[in-house]
Protein backbone atom coordinates (compact mmCIF):
# COMPACT_ATOMS: atom_id res chain seq x y z
CA MET A 1 -46.60 -11.27 71.12
CA ARG A 2 -49.82 -10.00 69.55
CA LYS A 3 -48.57 -10.84 66.06
CA THR A 4 -47.69 -14.35 67.25
CA LEU A 5 -51.21 -14.89 68.60
CA VAL A 6 -52.78 -13.64 65.37
CA LEU A 7 -50.53 -15.95 63.34
CA PHE A 8 -51.42 -18.87 65.60
CA ALA A 9 -55.15 -18.16 65.24
CA SER A 10 -54.83 -17.87 61.46
CA VAL A 11 -53.04 -21.20 61.18
CA MET A 12 -55.58 -22.89 63.41
CA VAL A 13 -58.35 -21.61 61.14
CA LEU A 14 -56.55 -23.38 58.31
CA GLN A 15 -56.31 -26.43 60.54
CA ALA A 16 -60.08 -26.36 61.00
CA GLU A 17 -60.58 -26.07 57.24
CA GLU A 18 -58.05 -28.66 56.12
CA LEU A 19 -59.16 -31.57 58.26
CA PRO A 20 -59.43 -34.89 56.44
CA ALA A 21 -62.84 -36.00 55.34
CA GLY A 22 -62.99 -38.29 58.37
CA ALA A 23 -62.83 -35.44 60.86
CA GLU A 24 -66.57 -34.87 60.94
CA LYS A 25 -67.80 -38.15 59.48
CA PRO A 26 -65.40 -41.12 59.41
CA ILE A 27 -63.91 -41.96 56.03
CA SER A 28 -65.45 -45.02 54.37
CA SER A 29 -67.73 -45.53 57.32
CA THR A 30 -71.30 -46.69 57.59
CA THR A 31 -73.43 -44.81 60.04
CA THR A 32 -76.49 -46.09 61.89
CA ARG A 33 -77.34 -43.29 64.27
CA ASN A 34 -74.11 -43.11 66.31
CA ALA A 35 -72.65 -46.40 65.06
CA VAL A 36 -69.68 -46.11 62.69
CA ARG A 37 -67.01 -48.34 61.18
CA PHE A 38 -63.40 -47.22 61.41
CA ASP A 39 -61.52 -48.90 58.59
CA ALA A 40 -57.79 -48.87 57.85
CA GLN A 41 -58.08 -45.94 55.43
CA TYR A 42 -59.77 -43.85 58.11
CA ARG A 43 -57.08 -44.61 60.69
CA TRP A 44 -54.06 -44.15 58.43
CA ARG A 45 -55.38 -40.93 56.93
CA ASN A 46 -56.18 -39.43 60.34
CA TYR A 47 -52.76 -40.46 61.63
CA ALA A 48 -50.91 -38.98 58.63
CA GLN A 49 -52.93 -35.76 58.84
CA GLU A 50 -52.31 -35.26 62.53
CA SER A 51 -48.64 -36.27 62.43
CA PHE A 52 -47.32 -34.61 59.30
CA LEU A 53 -49.83 -32.73 57.15
CA SER A 54 -51.65 -30.31 59.44
CA PRO A 55 -50.49 -26.86 60.61
CA GLY A 56 -51.25 -28.09 64.12
CA ALA A 57 -48.40 -30.62 63.86
CA PHE A 58 -46.00 -27.79 63.07
CA PHE A 59 -47.10 -25.67 66.00
CA ALA A 60 -47.17 -28.64 68.39
CA SER A 61 -43.42 -28.95 67.83
CA VAL A 62 -42.23 -25.40 67.17
CA MET A 63 -44.20 -23.45 69.78
CA PRO A 64 -43.03 -25.58 72.75
CA ALA A 65 -39.46 -25.42 71.44
CA VAL A 66 -39.68 -21.62 71.26
CA GLY A 67 -40.98 -21.54 74.83
CA ASP A 68 -38.22 -23.86 76.02
CA HIS A 69 -35.60 -21.74 74.28
CA ALA A 70 -36.93 -18.49 75.72
CA GLY A 71 -37.01 -20.03 79.20
CA ASP A 72 -33.60 -21.69 78.74
CA ARG A 73 -35.02 -25.16 79.40
CA PRO A 74 -33.01 -27.34 79.71
CA ALA A 75 -30.22 -24.96 80.67
CA GLU A 76 -27.66 -27.61 79.64
CA PHE A 77 -28.42 -26.88 75.97
CA GLY A 78 -27.40 -23.22 76.23
CA GLN A 79 -28.50 -20.61 73.69
CA GLY A 80 -28.01 -19.96 69.98
CA TRP A 81 -29.35 -21.69 66.87
CA ASP A 82 -27.68 -25.01 67.63
CA ALA A 83 -29.32 -25.03 71.05
CA PHE A 84 -32.70 -24.18 69.53
CA GLY A 85 -32.24 -27.07 67.10
CA GLU A 86 -31.61 -29.41 70.03
CA ARG A 87 -34.83 -28.30 71.69
CA LEU A 88 -36.82 -28.43 68.46
CA TRP A 89 -35.96 -31.99 67.45
CA ARG A 90 -36.71 -33.25 70.95
CA ARG A 91 -40.10 -31.55 70.99
CA ALA A 92 -40.87 -32.83 67.50
CA ALA A 93 -39.84 -36.36 68.43
CA THR A 94 -41.96 -36.20 71.59
CA TYR A 95 -45.00 -35.09 69.60
CA GLN A 96 -44.52 -37.84 67.02
CA LEU A 97 -44.16 -40.47 69.73
CA GLN A 98 -47.27 -39.29 71.55
CA THR A 99 -49.28 -39.24 68.33
CA ALA A 100 -48.13 -42.70 67.26
CA LEU A 101 -48.98 -44.20 70.65
CA TYR A 102 -52.39 -42.50 70.63
CA HIS A 103 -53.42 -43.70 67.19
CA SER A 104 -52.08 -47.24 67.64
CA SER A 105 -53.82 -47.55 71.00
CA ALA A 106 -57.08 -46.24 69.54
CA ALA A 107 -56.86 -48.84 66.77
CA VAL A 108 -56.46 -51.61 69.34
CA LEU A 109 -59.30 -50.28 71.50
CA GLY A 110 -61.56 -49.54 68.53
CA SER A 111 -62.07 -45.90 69.47
CA GLU A 112 -62.47 -42.86 67.23
CA THR A 113 -59.54 -40.57 66.43
CA GLY A 114 -61.17 -38.00 64.15
CA TYR A 115 -63.17 -35.02 65.38
CA ARG A 116 -66.87 -34.71 64.52
CA ARG A 117 -68.51 -31.37 65.16
CA CYS A 118 -71.36 -31.25 67.63
CA GLU A 119 -74.87 -31.55 66.19
CA CYS A 120 -76.12 -29.33 69.02
CA GLU A 121 -76.81 -25.60 68.96
CA GLY A 122 -75.59 -22.81 71.22
CA GLY A 123 -72.07 -21.57 71.75
CA TRP A 124 -71.68 -22.81 75.31
CA ARG A 125 -72.97 -26.29 74.50
CA ARG A 126 -70.64 -26.55 71.52
CA LEU A 127 -67.71 -25.30 73.59
CA GLY A 128 -68.44 -27.86 76.29
CA TYR A 129 -68.66 -30.59 73.67
CA ALA A 130 -65.32 -29.59 72.10
CA VAL A 131 -63.56 -29.59 75.48
CA SER A 132 -65.15 -32.92 76.44
CA ARG A 133 -63.58 -34.66 73.42
CA THR A 134 -60.26 -34.52 75.26
CA PHE A 135 -61.77 -36.74 77.94
CA VAL A 136 -64.21 -38.95 76.06
CA THR A 137 -64.55 -40.46 72.59
CA ARG A 138 -66.78 -42.90 70.68
CA THR A 139 -66.53 -46.58 69.89
CA GLN A 140 -67.56 -48.12 66.59
CA GLY A 141 -70.91 -48.89 68.16
CA GLY A 142 -71.45 -45.23 69.00
CA THR A 143 -70.92 -45.64 72.75
CA THR A 144 -69.19 -42.78 74.56
CA ILE A 145 -66.20 -43.99 76.58
CA PRO A 146 -63.21 -42.41 78.38
CA ASN A 147 -60.53 -41.38 75.88
CA VAL A 148 -58.00 -43.82 77.29
CA ALA A 149 -55.95 -43.96 74.08
CA LEU A 150 -55.41 -40.20 74.00
CA TRP A 151 -54.44 -39.94 77.66
CA GLY A 152 -52.23 -43.02 77.49
CA GLY A 153 -50.47 -41.80 74.36
CA SER A 154 -49.97 -38.27 75.70
CA PHE A 155 -48.61 -39.22 79.12
CA GLY A 156 -46.91 -42.43 78.00
CA GLY A 157 -45.12 -40.68 75.15
CA GLY A 158 -44.19 -37.79 77.41
CA MET A 159 -42.68 -40.10 79.98
CA ILE A 160 -40.70 -42.08 77.39
CA ALA A 161 -39.44 -38.83 75.87
CA THR A 162 -37.59 -37.92 79.06
CA ALA A 163 -35.00 -40.53 77.98
CA TRP A 164 -33.51 -38.03 75.51
CA TYR A 165 -33.39 -35.18 78.02
CA PRO A 166 -30.82 -34.59 80.81
CA ASP A 167 -30.84 -37.16 83.62
CA ARG A 168 -32.55 -34.78 86.02
CA TYR A 169 -35.71 -34.97 83.86
CA ARG A 170 -37.91 -37.54 85.58
CA ALA A 171 -40.80 -39.38 83.95
CA THR A 172 -42.95 -38.74 87.01
CA SER A 173 -42.60 -34.96 86.73
CA GLU A 174 -41.37 -33.72 83.36
CA GLY A 175 -43.02 -36.62 81.53
CA VAL A 176 -46.36 -35.73 83.06
CA ARG A 177 -45.80 -32.09 82.11
CA PHE A 178 -45.15 -33.09 78.48
CA GLY A 179 -48.36 -35.11 78.51
CA GLY A 180 -50.34 -32.29 80.05
CA TYR A 181 -49.14 -29.89 77.37
CA GLN A 182 -50.25 -32.30 74.65
CA LEU A 183 -53.73 -32.65 76.14
CA GLY A 184 -54.04 -28.90 76.57
CA ALA A 185 -53.00 -28.29 72.98
CA ARG A 186 -55.50 -30.86 71.72
CA THR A 187 -58.29 -29.17 73.66
CA VAL A 188 -57.47 -25.87 71.94
CA VAL A 189 -57.37 -27.58 68.54
CA ASN A 190 -60.77 -29.19 69.18
CA VAL A 191 -62.28 -25.79 69.95
CA PHE A 192 -60.89 -24.39 66.70
CA ARG A 193 -62.26 -27.40 64.84
CA GLU A 194 -65.71 -26.98 66.37
CA PHE A 195 -65.95 -23.28 65.56
CA GLY A 196 -64.04 -23.49 62.27
CA PRO A 197 -66.86 -22.13 60.04
CA GLU A 198 -67.38 -19.09 62.27
CA LEU A 199 -63.64 -18.47 62.50
CA LYS A 200 -63.25 -18.63 58.73
CA ARG A 201 -65.93 -15.98 58.34
CA LEU A 202 -64.26 -13.88 61.04
CA PHE A 203 -60.93 -14.02 59.22
CA GLY A 204 -62.56 -13.33 55.89
CA ARG A 205 -62.26 -16.83 54.43
CA ARG A 206 -65.22 -17.95 52.28
């Protein structure tokens, strides 16, 4: 278990380092104080990074599948490599659906999808800021608003995903659980992104 946690932390340090250029300052954007412009390049690059290119995308699919397999959820799938494959592709498909809904909704609403580190000082303030990004985001005008796109994509995708699980999986229970996991995982990723420079030094990366 300890080795797994160390591996997870190491990969998340890479995640913090390998963010697209738009993670801290939006790609091809013009900034006037907090005002930014999210163009198509910014949105597509953030979507591709989060969906396919980041270590976080791998862990968002594999780690839940490992947990499901260890807990024999759903029991109908049984055990063995074939059963693990069944759990893995469903978790991967759920993650992709949630991510696609989030980014498409953010494009419609005009809200930010990248992560920009806090300009504040102090560990607690930065931690609070990182956690808050799960609940709020920015518009192109720099206004802070509820992160409706993220919550809608996470819970909406989770509920839809119950369609490829056994009939006893209900959108109102298991779908909400899938969405909650996605939001929790994003909060952890945001913390790693915020403290990426310190973590790289801790793990000996220059």
